[in-house]
Amino acid sequence: MLRTKEVGNTIVAYLKGRLDVHISGEIEKDLMQLSEKNPDSDFVLNLEGIEYMSSSGLRVLVALMRHLKTRNRKMKLCNMNVAVKKIFEVVELMDMFDIYPSEEEALR
């Protein structure tokens, strides 16, 4: 289950555990449904609880970002741990996403 909260016009989604091939399809479906139910909201994905992310997990984030971008909505990532940040650096996705050290900074 995806934990979320609304802050103004932004949905904050808290991801946790392993974002890998076993769970990424379900997470993507949940995030897309959330996006459709809140058609005017931007998103902040808080990755503090993510201990591992595979290419399947990265695909979910790219898919959601593209989905939101085509609707003139924003997506920000925050609270990435060192291991997850390293994955983004290795596959050269750091510049593709708006990444913030904390949820507070992402919400500003």
PDB file of N, CA and C in Angstrom:
ATOM      1  N   MET A   1       0.838  -1.196   0.000  1.00  0.00           N
ATOM      2  CA  MET A   1       0.000   0.000   0.000  1.00  0.00           C
ATOM      3  C   MET A   1       0.874   1.247   0.000  1.00  0.00           C
ATOM      4  N   LEU A   2       0.493   2.176  -0.830  1.00  0.00           N
ATOM      5  CA  LEU A   2       1.233   3.411  -0.985  1.00  0.00           C
ATOM      6  C   LEU A   2       0.690   4.441   0.000  1.00  0.00           C
ATOM      7  N   ARG A   3       1.567   4.978   0.841  1.00  0.00           N
ATOM      8  CA  ARG A   3       1.154   6.003   1.795  1.00  0.00           C
ATOM      9  C   ARG A   3       1.322   7.369   1.130  1.00  0.00           C
ATOM     10  N   THR A   4       0.289   8.199   1.235  1.00  0.00           N
ATOM     11  CA  THR A   4       0.334   9.524   0.605  1.00  0.00           C
ATOM     12  C   THR A   4      -0.252  10.568   1.540  1.00  0.00           C
ATOM     13  N   LYS A   5       0.069  11.818   1.233  1.00  0.00           N
ATOM     14  CA  LYS A   5      -0.598  12.940   1.897  1.00  0.00           C
ATOM     15  C   LYS A   5      -0.665  14.084   0.902  1.00  0.00           C
ATOM     16  N   GLU A   6      -1.606  14.994   1.124  1.00  0.00           N
ATOM     17  CA  GLU A   6      -1.737  16.170   0.266  1.00  0.00           C
ATOM     18  C   GLU A   6      -1.192  17.370   1.006  1.00  0.00           C
ATOM     19  N   VAL A   7      -0.368  18.150   0.307  1.00  0.00           N
ATOM     20  CA  VAL A   7       0.148  19.401   0.844  1.00  0.00           C
ATOM     21  C   VAL A   7      -0.159  20.454  -0.213  1.00  0.00           C
ATOM     22  N   GLY A   8      -1.200  21.221   0.032  1.00  0.00           N
ATOM     23  CA  GLY A   8      -1.619  22.198  -0.968  1.00  0.00           C
ATOM     24  C   GLY A   8      -2.031  21.489  -2.248  1.00  0.00           C
ATOM     25  N   ASN A   9      -1.375  21.843  -3.341  1.00  0.00           N
ATOM     26  CA  ASN A   9      -1.680  21.257  -4.649  1.00  0.00           C
ATOM     27  C   ASN A   9      -0.711  20.133  -5.013  1.00  0.00           C
ATOM     28  N   THR A  10      -0.087  19.550  -3.998  1.00  0.00           N
ATOM     29  CA  THR A  10       0.927  18.514  -4.234  1.00  0.00           C
ATOM     30  C   THR A  10       0.584  17.244  -3.482  1.00  0.00           C
ATOM     31  N   ILE A  11       0.737  16.123  -4.168  1.00  0.00           N
ATOM     32  CA  ILE A  11       0.598  14.809  -3.538  1.00  0.00           C
ATOM     33  C   ILE A  11       2.009  14.355  -3.159  1.00  0.00           C
ATOM     34  N   VAL A  12       2.207  14.035  -1.883  1.00  0.00           N
ATOM     35  CA  VAL A  12       3.479  13.462  -1.442  1.00  0.00           C
ATOM     36  C   VAL A  12       3.248  11.963  -1.275  1.00  0.00           C
ATOM     37  N   ALA A  13       4.035  11.163  -2.010  1.00  0.00           N
ATOM     38  CA  ALA A  13       3.924   9.705  -1.934  1.00  0.00           C
ATOM     39  C   ALA A  13       5.181   9.157  -1.283  1.00  0.00           C
ATOM     40  N   TYR A  14       5.002   8.290  -0.304  1.00  0.00           N
ATOM     41  CA  TYR A  14       6.113   7.695   0.435  1.00  0.00           C
ATOM     42  C   TYR A  14       6.335   6.276  -0.056  1.00  0.00           C
ATOM     43  N   LEU A  15       7.450   6.068  -0.734  1.00  0.00           N
ATOM     44  CA  LEU A  15       7.787   4.735  -1.234  1.00  0.00           C
ATOM     45  C   LEU A  15       8.702   4.065  -0.231  1.00  0.00           C
ATOM     46  N   LYS A  16       8.548   2.739  -0.065  1.00  0.00           N
ATOM     47  CA  LYS A  16       9.447   2.063   0.864  1.00  0.00           C
ATOM     48  C   LYS A  16       9.724   0.640   0.428  1.00  0.00           C
ATOM     49  N   GLY A  17      10.818   0.114   0.935  1.00  0.00           N
ATOM     50  CA  GLY A  17      11.204  -1.256   0.630  1.00  0.00           C
ATOM     51  C   GLY A  17      12.062  -1.348  -0.611  1.00  0.00           C
ATOM     52  N   ARG A  18      11.820  -2.395  -1.364  1.00  0.00           N
ATOM     53  CA  ARG A  18      12.581  -2.653  -2.589  1.00  0.00           C
ATOM     54  C   ARG A  18      11.715  -2.326  -3.796  1.00  0.00           C
ATOM     55  N   LEU A  19      12.146  -1.357  -4.574  1.00  0.00           N
ATOM     56  CA  LEU A  19      11.415  -1.005  -5.795  1.00  0.00           C
ATOM     57  C   LEU A  19      12.055  -1.799  -6.927  1.00  0.00           C
ATOM     58  N   ASP A  20      11.578  -3.040  -7.072  1.00  0.00           N
ATOM     59  CA  ASP A  20      12.171  -3.943  -8.063  1.00  0.00           C
ATOM     60  C   ASP A  20      11.074  -4.575  -8.919  1.00  0.00           C
ATOM     61  N   VAL A  21      11.445  -5.542  -9.724  1.00  0.00           N
ATOM     62  CA  VAL A  21      10.527  -6.154 -10.686  1.00  0.00           C
ATOM     63  C   VAL A  21       9.292  -6.762 -10.012  1.00  0.00           C
ATOM     64  N   HIS A  22       9.416  -7.187  -8.752  1.00  0.00           N
ATOM     65  CA  HIS A  22       8.307  -7.840  -8.064  1.00  0.00           C
ATOM     66  C   HIS A  22       7.203  -6.877  -7.645  1.00  0.00           C
ATOM     67  N   ILE A  23       7.546  -5.613  -7.426  1.00  0.00           N
ATOM     68  CA  ILE A  23       6.571  -4.653  -6.896  1.00  0.00           C
ATOM     69  C   ILE A  23       6.349  -3.451  -7.810  1.00  0.00           C
ATOM     70  N   SER A  24       7.255  -3.216  -8.752  1.00  0.00           N
ATOM     71  CA  SER A  24       7.203  -1.972  -9.539  1.00  0.00           C
ATOM     72  C   SER A  24       5.923  -1.830 -10.365  1.00  0.00           C
ATOM     73  N   GLY A  25       5.401  -2.914 -10.901  1.00  0.00           N
ATOM     74  CA  GLY A  25       4.160  -2.843 -11.680  1.00  0.00           C
ATOM     75  C   GLY A  25       2.997  -2.347 -10.844  1.00  0.00           C
ATOM     76  N   GLU A  26       2.906  -2.847  -9.627  1.00  0.00           N
ATOM     77  CA  GLU A  26       1.835  -2.454  -8.713  1.00  0.00           C
ATOM     78  C   GLU A  26       2.001  -0.984  -8.299  1.00  0.00           C
ATOM     79  N   ILE A  27       3.230  -0.587  -8.004  1.00  0.00           N
ATOM     80  CA  ILE A  27       3.502   0.804  -7.611  1.00  0.00           C
ATOM     81  C   ILE A  27       3.164   1.751  -8.765  1.00  0.00           C
ATOM     82  N   GLU A  28       3.563   1.374  -9.985  1.00  0.00           N
ATOM     83  CA  GLU A  28       3.266   2.218 -11.143  1.00  0.00           C
ATOM     84  C   GLU A  28       1.750   2.376 -11.315  1.00  0.00           C
ATOM     85  N   LYS A  29       1.026   1.275 -11.184  1.00  0.00           N
ATOM     86  CA  LYS A  29      -0.435   1.313 -11.310  1.00  0.00           C
ATOM     87  C   LYS A  29      -1.036   2.234 -10.243  1.00  0.00           C
ATOM     88  N   ASP A  30      -0.579   2.107  -9.003  1.00  0.00           N
ATOM     89  CA  ASP A  30      -1.082   2.945  -7.908  1.00  0.00           C
ATOM     90  C   ASP A  30      -0.792   4.424  -8.158  1.00  0.00           C
ATOM     91  N   LEU A  31       0.431   4.732  -8.611  1.00  0.00           N
ATOM     92  CA  LEU A  31       0.808   6.129  -8.862  1.00  0.00           C
ATOM     93  C   LEU A  31       0.010   6.722 -10.024  1.00  0.00           C
ATOM     94  N   MET A  32      -0.187   5.937 -11.071  1.00  0.00           N
ATOM     95  CA  MET A  32      -0.963   6.425 -12.220  1.00  0.00           C
ATOM     96  C   MET A  32      -2.428   6.665 -11.827  1.00  0.00           C
ATOM     97  N   GLN A  33      -3.003   5.778 -11.023  1.00  0.00           N
ATOM     98  CA  GLN A  33      -4.375   5.964 -10.550  1.00  0.00           C
ATOM     99  C   GLN A  33      -4.476   7.218  -9.685  1.00  0.00           C
ATOM    100  N   LEU A  34      -3.488   7.416  -8.832  1.00  0.00           N
ATOM    101  CA  LEU A  34      -3.435   8.601  -7.982  1.00  0.00           C
ATOM    102  C   LEU A  34      -3.377   9.864  -8.838  1.00  0.00           C
ATOM    103  N   SER A  35      -2.598   9.807  -9.900  1.00  0.00           N
ATOM    104  CA  SER A  35      -2.477  10.938 -10.817  1.00  0.00           C
ATOM    105  C   SER A  35      -3.812  11.243 -11.501  1.00  0.00           C
ATOM    106  N   GLU A  36      -4.514  10.191 -11.919  1.00  0.00           N
ATOM    107  CA  GLU A  36      -5.802  10.380 -12.598  1.00  0.00           C
ATOM    108  C   GLU A  36      -6.874  10.911 -11.638  1.00  0.00           C
ATOM    109  N   LYS A  37      -6.828  10.488 -10.377  1.00  0.00           N
ATOM    110  CA  LYS A  37      -7.801  10.954  -9.385  1.00  0.00           C
ATOM    111  C   LYS A  37      -7.543  12.397  -8.964  1.00  0.00           C
ATOM    112  N   ASN A  38      -6.318  12.858  -9.165  1.00  0.00           N
ATOM    113  CA  ASN A  38      -5.909  14.215  -8.770  1.00  0.00           C
ATOM    114  C   ASN A  38      -5.311  14.921  -9.980  1.00  0.00           C
ATOM    115  N   PRO A  39      -6.139  15.247 -10.969  1.00  0.00           N
ATOM    116  CA  PRO A  39      -5.629  15.712 -12.266  1.00  0.00           C
ATOM    117  C   PRO A  39      -4.895  17.052 -12.255  1.00  0.00           C
ATOM    118  N   ASP A  40      -4.998  17.813 -11.164  1.00  0.00           N
ATOM    119  CA  ASP A  40      -4.319  19.104 -11.114  1.00  0.00           C
ATOM    120  C   ASP A  40      -3.126  19.118 -10.161  1.00  0.00           C
ATOM    121  N   SER A  41      -2.835  17.979  -9.557  1.00  0.00           N
ATOM    122  CA  SER A  41      -1.784  17.927  -8.539  1.00  0.00           C
ATOM    123  C   SER A  41      -0.411  17.616  -9.117  1.00  0.00           C
ATOM    124  N   ASP A  42       0.604  18.241  -8.506  1.00  0.00           N
ATOM    125  CA  ASP A  42       1.991  17.871  -8.759  1.00  0.00           C
ATOM    126  C   ASP A  42       2.337  16.748  -7.777  1.00  0.00           C
ATOM    127  N   PHE A  43       3.504  16.126  -7.976  1.00  0.00           N
ATOM    128  CA  PHE A  43       3.909  15.006  -7.130  1.00  0.00           C
ATOM    129  C   PHE A  43       5.288  15.217  -6.523  1.00  0.00           C
ATOM    130  N   VAL A  44       5.430  14.809  -5.275  1.00  0.00           N
ATOM    131  CA  VAL A  44       6.735  14.658  -4.633  1.00  0.00           C
ATOM    132  C   VAL A  44       6.807  13.198  -4.211  1.00  0.00           C
ATOM    133  N   LEU A  45       7.832  12.496  -4.694  1.00  0.00           N
ATOM    134  CA  LEU A  45       8.030  11.110  -4.266  1.00  0.00           C
ATOM    135  C   LEU A  45       9.143  11.107  -3.232  1.00  0.00           C
ATOM    136  N   ASN A  46       8.782  10.736  -2.007  1.00  0.00           N
ATOM    137  CA  ASN A  46       9.743  10.671  -0.919  1.00  0.00           C
ATOM    138  C   ASN A  46      10.338   9.261  -0.926  1.00  0.00           C
ATOM    139  N   LEU A  47      11.621   9.174  -1.234  1.00  0.00           N
ATOM    140  CA  LEU A  47      12.295   7.877  -1.396  1.00  0.00           C
ATOM    141  C   LEU A  47      13.064   7.440  -0.156  1.00  0.00           C
ATOM    142  N   GLU A  48      12.812   8.096   0.960  1.00  0.00           N
ATOM    143  CA  GLU A  48      13.551   7.791   2.187  1.00  0.00           C
ATOM    144  C   GLU A  48      13.477   6.312   2.553  1.00  0.00           C
ATOM    145  N   GLY A  49      12.330   5.685   2.319  1.00  0.00           N
ATOM    146  CA  GLY A  49      12.148   4.287   2.710  1.00  0.00           C
ATOM    147  C   GLY A  49      12.611   3.272   1.672  1.00  0.00           C
ATOM    148  N   ILE A  50      13.147   3.743   0.537  1.00  0.00           N
ATOM    149  CA  ILE A  50      13.603   2.814  -0.512  1.00  0.00           C
ATOM    150  C   ILE A  50      15.002   2.329  -0.180  1.00  0.00           C
ATOM    151  N   GLU A  51      15.125   1.030   0.017  1.00  0.00           N
ATOM    152  CA  GLU A  51      16.436   0.456   0.323  1.00  0.00           C
ATOM    153  C   GLU A  51      17.143  -0.075  -0.922  1.00  0.00           C
ATOM    154  N   TYR A  52      16.362  -0.358  -1.961  1.00  0.00           N
ATOM    155  CA  TYR A  52      16.940  -0.881  -3.212  1.00  0.00           C
ATOM    156  C   TYR A  52      16.036  -0.492  -4.370  1.00  0.00           C
ATOM    157  N   MET A  53      16.652  -0.128  -5.500  1.00  0.00           N
ATOM    158  CA  MET A  53      15.882   0.186  -6.689  1.00  0.00           C
ATOM    159  C   MET A  53      16.544  -0.460  -7.894  1.00  0.00           C
ATOM    160  N   SER A  54      15.765  -1.235  -8.649  1.00  0.00           N
ATOM    161  CA  SER A  54      16.272  -1.877  -9.862  1.00  0.00           C
ATOM    162  C   SER A  54      15.900  -1.022 -11.067  1.00  0.00           C
ATOM    163  N   SER A  55      16.250  -1.491 -12.242  1.00  0.00           N
ATOM    164  CA  SER A  55      15.886  -0.781 -13.472  1.00  0.00           C
ATOM    165  C   SER A  55      14.364  -0.719 -13.615  1.00  0.00           C
ATOM    166  N   SER A  56      13.655  -1.702 -13.095  1.00  0.00           N
ATOM    167  CA  SER A  56      12.184  -1.676 -13.119  1.00  0.00           C
ATOM    168  C   SER A  56      11.657  -0.499 -12.304  1.00  0.00           C
ATOM    169  N   GLY A  57      12.289  -0.245 -11.181  1.00  0.00           N
ATOM    170  CA  GLY A  57      11.910   0.892 -10.343  1.00  0.00           C
ATOM    171  C   GLY A  57      12.186   2.213 -11.042  1.00  0.00           C
ATOM    172  N   LEU A  58      13.322   2.300 -11.692  1.00  0.00           N
ATOM    173  CA  LEU A  58      13.657   3.512 -12.446  1.00  0.00           C
ATOM    174  C   LEU A  58      12.630   3.745 -13.555  1.00  0.00           C
ATOM    175  N   ARG A  59      12.222   2.672 -14.204  1.00  0.00           N
ATOM    176  CA  ARG A  59      11.238   2.769 -15.281  1.00  0.00           C
ATOM    177  C   ARG A  59       9.921   3.358 -14.762  1.00  0.00           C
ATOM    178  N   VAL A  60       9.508   2.966 -13.567  1.00  0.00           N
ATOM    179  CA  VAL A  60       8.287   3.498 -12.957  1.00  0.00           C
ATOM    180  C   VAL A  60       8.397   5.017 -12.800  1.00  0.00           C
ATOM    181  N   LEU A  61       9.544   5.478 -12.294  1.00  0.00           N
ATOM    182  CA  LEU A  61       9.733   6.916 -12.070  1.00  0.00           C
ATOM    183  C   LEU A  61       9.750   7.685 -13.383  1.00  0.00           C
ATOM    184  N   VAL A  62      10.410   7.121 -14.390  1.00  0.00           N
ATOM    185  CA  VAL A  62      10.460   7.772 -15.711  1.00  0.00           C
ATOM    186  C   VAL A  62       9.054   7.820 -16.321  1.00  0.00           C
ATOM    187  N   ALA A  63       8.313   6.724 -16.211  1.00  0.00           N
ATOM    188  CA  ALA A  63       6.954   6.667 -16.772  1.00  0.00           C
ATOM    189  C   ALA A  63       6.043   7.700 -16.110  1.00  0.00           C
ATOM    190  N   LEU A  64       6.102   7.797 -14.786  1.00  0.00           N
ATOM    191  CA  LEU A  64       5.258   8.766 -14.078  1.00  0.00           C
ATOM    192  C   LEU A  64       5.666  10.192 -14.440  1.00  0.00           C
ATOM    193  N   MET A  65       6.964  10.446 -14.505  1.00  0.00           N
ATOM    194  CA  MET A  65       7.431  11.787 -14.848  1.00  0.00           C
ATOM    195  C   MET A  65       6.935  12.193 -16.232  1.00  0.00           C
ATOM    196  N   ARG A  66       7.048  11.294 -17.199  1.00  0.00           N
ATOM    197  CA  ARG A  66       6.584  11.596 -18.560  1.00  0.00           C
ATOM    198  C   ARG A  66       5.081  11.815 -18.602  1.00  0.00           C
ATOM    199  N   HIS A  67       4.352  10.967 -17.878  1.00  0.00           N
ATOM    200  CA  HIS A  67       2.895  11.076 -17.786  1.00  0.00           C
ATOM    201  C   HIS A  67       2.510  12.458 -17.249  1.00  0.00           C
ATOM    202  N   LEU A  68       3.150  12.884 -16.175  1.00  0.00           N
ATOM    203  CA  LEU A  68       2.835  14.173 -15.569  1.00  0.00           C
ATOM    204  C   LEU A  68       3.255  15.329 -16.469  1.00  0.00           C
ATOM    205  N   LYS A  69       4.430  15.195 -17.074  1.00  0.00           N
ATOM    206  CA  LYS A  69       4.964  16.269 -17.922  1.00  0.00           C
ATOM    207  C   LYS A  69       4.028  16.561 -19.100  1.00  0.00           C
ATOM    208  N   THR A  70       3.441  15.523 -19.695  1.00  0.00           N
ATOM    209  CA  THR A  70       2.529  15.740 -20.828  1.00  0.00           C
ATOM    210  C   THR A  70       1.264  16.462 -20.386  1.00  0.00           C
ATOM    211  N   ARG A  71       1.018  16.500 -19.085  1.00  0.00           N
ATOM    212  CA  ARG A  71      -0.151  17.181 -18.538  1.00  0.00           C
ATOM    213  C   ARG A  71       0.249  18.481 -17.823  1.00  0.00           C
ATOM    214  N   ASN A  72       1.468  18.952 -18.105  1.00  0.00           N
ATOM    215  CA  ASN A  72       2.003  20.186 -17.509  1.00  0.00           C
ATOM    216  C   ASN A  72       2.011  20.154 -15.985  1.00  0.00           C
ATOM    217  N   ARG A  73       2.363  18.985 -15.447  1.00  0.00           N
ATOM    218  CA  ARG A  73       2.469  18.817 -14.001  1.00  0.00           C
ATOM    219  C   ARG A  73       3.905  18.441 -13.666  1.00  0.00           C
ATOM    220  N   LYS A  74       4.283  18.682 -12.410  1.00  0.00           N
ATOM    221  CA  LYS A  74       5.664  18.448 -12.002  1.00  0.00           C
ATOM    222  C   LYS A  74       5.785  17.241 -11.098  1.00  0.00           C
ATOM    223  N   MET A  75       6.980  16.648 -11.121  1.00  0.00           N
ATOM    224  CA  MET A  75       7.319  15.567 -10.203  1.00  0.00           C
ATOM    225  C   MET A  75       8.698  15.849  -9.648  1.00  0.00           C
ATOM    226  N   LYS A  76       8.820  15.759  -8.327  1.00  0.00           N
ATOM    227  CA  LYS A  76      10.106  15.940  -7.659  1.00  0.00           C
ATOM    228  C   LYS A  76      10.390  14.710  -6.820  1.00  0.00           C
ATOM    229  N   LEU A  77      11.667  14.415  -6.657  1.00  0.00           N
ATOM    230  CA  LEU A  77      12.106  13.304  -5.809  1.00  0.00           C
ATOM    231  C   LEU A  77      12.841  13.889  -4.614  1.00  0.00           C
ATOM    232  N   CYS A  78      12.729  13.232  -3.472  1.00  0.00           N
ATOM    233  CA  CYS A  78      13.462  13.707  -2.291  1.00  0.00           C
ATOM    234  C   CYS A  78      13.867  12.546  -1.389  1.00  0.00           C
ATOM    235  N   ASN A  79      14.768  12.878  -0.468  1.00  0.00           N
ATOM    236  CA  ASN A  79      15.240  11.945   0.567  1.00  0.00           C
ATOM    237  C   ASN A  79      15.810  10.651   0.001  1.00  0.00           C
ATOM    238  N   MET A  80      16.598  10.772  -1.047  1.00  0.00           N
ATOM    239  CA  MET A  80      17.234   9.614  -1.669  1.00  0.00           C
ATOM    240  C   MET A  80      18.435   9.170  -0.830  1.00  0.00           C
ATOM    241  N   ASN A  81      18.531   7.884  -0.524  1.00  0.00           N
ATOM    242  CA  ASN A  81      19.718   7.437   0.207  1.00  0.00           C
ATOM    243  C   ASN A  81      20.905   7.315  -0.751  1.00  0.00           C
ATOM    244  N   VAL A  82      22.076   7.081  -0.200  1.00  0.00           N
ATOM    245  CA  VAL A  82      23.309   7.053  -0.996  1.00  0.00           C
ATOM    246  C   VAL A  82      23.263   5.975  -2.074  1.00  0.00           C
ATOM    247  N   ALA A  83      22.763   4.797  -1.746  1.00  0.00           N
ATOM    248  CA  ALA A  83      22.730   3.683  -2.703  1.00  0.00           C
ATOM    249  C   ALA A  83      21.821   3.998  -3.892  1.00  0.00           C
ATOM    250  N   VAL A  84      20.654   4.568  -3.622  1.00  0.00           N
ATOM    251  CA  VAL A  84      19.713   4.901  -4.690  1.00  0.00           C
ATOM    252  C   VAL A  84      20.269   6.046  -5.535  1.00  0.00           C
ATOM    253  N   LYS A  85      20.866   7.031  -4.866  1.00  0.00           N
ATOM    254  CA  LYS A  85      21.462   8.158  -5.589  1.00  0.00           C
ATOM    255  C   LYS A  85      22.556   7.667  -6.539  1.00  0.00           C
ATOM    256  N   LYS A  86      23.309   6.691  -6.091  1.00  0.00           N
ATOM    257  CA  LYS A  86      24.388   6.122  -6.906  1.00  0.00           C
ATOM    258  C   LYS A  86      23.812   5.505  -8.195  1.00  0.00           C
ATOM    259  N   ILE A  87      22.681   4.826  -8.088  1.00  0.00           N
ATOM    260  CA  ILE A  87      22.030   4.227  -9.257  1.00  0.00           C
ATOM    261  C   ILE A  87      21.667   5.326 -10.264  1.00  0.00           C
ATOM    262  N   PHE A  88      21.097   6.415  -9.772  1.00  0.00           N
ATOM    263  CA  PHE A  88      20.738   7.534 -10.647  1.00  0.00           C
ATOM    264  C   PHE A  88      21.968   8.118 -11.331  1.00  0.00           C
ATOM    265  N   GLU A  89      23.078   8.199 -10.584  1.00  0.00           N
ATOM    266  CA  GLU A  89      24.319   8.734 -11.159  1.00  0.00           C
ATOM    267  C   GLU A  89      24.881   7.796 -12.220  1.00  0.00           C
ATOM    268  N   VAL A  90      24.894   6.499 -11.942  1.00  0.00           N
ATOM    269  CA  VAL A  90      25.456   5.511 -12.861  1.00  0.00           C
ATOM    270  C   VAL A  90      24.702   5.497 -14.194  1.00  0.00           C
ATOM    271  N   VAL A  91      23.378   5.569 -14.134  1.00  0.00           N
ATOM    272  CA  VAL A  91      22.598   5.538 -15.374  1.00  0.00           C
ATOM    273  C   VAL A  91      22.326   6.945 -15.918  1.00  0.00           C
ATOM    274  N   GLU A  92      22.993   7.928 -15.310  1.00  0.00           N
ATOM    275  CA  GLU A  92      22.950   9.318 -15.764  1.00  0.00           C
ATOM    276  C   GLU A  92      21.532   9.885 -15.830  1.00  0.00           C
ATOM    277  N   LEU A  93      20.776   9.683 -14.749  1.00  0.00           N
ATOM    278  CA  LEU A  93      19.422  10.215 -14.660  1.00  0.00           C
ATOM    279  C   LEU A  93      19.304  11.397 -13.693  1.00  0.00           C
ATOM    280  N   MET A  94      20.408  11.790 -13.078  1.00  0.00           N
ATOM    281  CA  MET A  94      20.362  12.884 -12.100  1.00  0.00           C
ATOM    282  C   MET A  94      19.799  14.164 -12.721  1.00  0.00           C
ATOM    283  N   ASP A  95      20.162  14.453 -13.966  1.00  0.00           N
ATOM    284  CA  ASP A  95      19.706  15.688 -14.610  1.00  0.00           C
ATOM    285  C   ASP A  95      18.285  15.590 -15.143  1.00  0.00           C
ATOM    286  N   MET A  96      17.760  14.382 -15.234  1.00  0.00           N
ATOM    287  CA  MET A  96      16.423  14.182 -15.778  1.00  0.00           C
ATOM    288  C   MET A  96      15.329  14.505 -14.747  1.00  0.00           C
ATOM    289  N   PHE A  97      15.681  14.378 -13.476  1.00  0.00           N
ATOM    290  CA  PHE A  97      14.722  14.568 -12.393  1.00  0.00           C
ATOM    291  C   PHE A  97      15.088  15.780 -11.540  1.00  0.00           C
ATOM    292  N   ASP A  98      14.066  16.374 -10.918  1.00  0.00           N
ATOM    293  CA  ASP A  98      14.288  17.403  -9.902  1.00  0.00           C
ATOM    294  C   ASP A  98      14.437  16.668  -8.579  1.00  0.00           C
ATOM    295  N   ILE A  99      15.665  16.686  -8.030  1.00  0.00           N
ATOM    296  CA  ILE A  99      15.974  15.914  -6.830  1.00  0.00           C
ATOM    297  C   ILE A  99      16.342  16.867  -5.695  1.00  0.00           C
ATOM    298  N   TYR A 100      15.738  16.657  -4.543  1.00  0.00           N
ATOM    299  CA  TYR A 100      15.941  17.514  -3.375  1.00  0.00           C
ATOM    300  C   TYR A 100      16.372  16.669  -2.181  1.00  0.00           C
ATOM    301  N   PRO A 101      17.195  17.259  -1.301  1.00  0.00           N
ATOM    302  CA  PRO A 101      17.663  16.503  -0.136  1.00  0.00           C
ATOM    303  C   PRO A 101      16.571  16.217   0.890  1.00  0.00           C
ATOM    304  N   SER A 102      15.532  17.075   0.946  1.00  0.00           N
ATOM    305  CA  SER A 102      14.482  16.865   1.953  1.00  0.00           C
ATOM    306  C   SER A 102      13.099  17.125   1.342  1.00  0.00           C
ATOM    307  N   GLU A 103      12.096  16.602   2.011  1.00  0.00           N
ATOM    308  CA  GLU A 103      10.712  16.814   1.574  1.00  0.00           C
ATOM    309  C   GLU A 103      10.347  18.297   1.657  1.00  0.00           C
ATOM    310  N   GLU A 104      10.801  18.951   2.715  1.00  0.00           N
ATOM    311  CA  GLU A 104      10.510  20.376   2.893  1.00  0.00           C
ATOM    312  C   GLU A 104      11.021  21.186   1.705  1.00  0.00           C
ATOM    313  N   GLU A 105      12.242  20.902   1.267  1.00  0.00           N
ATOM    314  CA  GLU A 105      12.815  21.636   0.138  1.00  0.00           C
ATOM    315  C   GLU A 105      12.079  21.312  -1.174  1.00  0.00           C
ATOM    316  N   ALA A 106      11.653  20.082  -1.326  1.00  0.00           N
ATOM    317  CA  ALA A 106      10.921  19.690  -2.535  1.00  0.00           C
ATOM    318  C   ALA A 106       9.563  20.396  -2.604  1.00  0.00           C
ATOM    319  N   LEU A 107       8.965  20.627  -1.459  1.00  0.00           N
ATOM    320  CA  LEU A 107       7.642  21.259  -1.417  1.00  0.00           C
ATOM    321  C   LEU A 107       7.694  22.776  -1.630  1.00  0.00           C
ATOM    322  N   ARG A 108       8.871  23.377  -1.484  1.00  0.00           N
ATOM    323  CA  ARG A 108       8.990  24.838  -1.671  1.00  0.00           C
ATOM    324  C   ARG A 108       8.787  25.241  -3.091  1.00  0.00           C
TER     325      ARG A 108
END
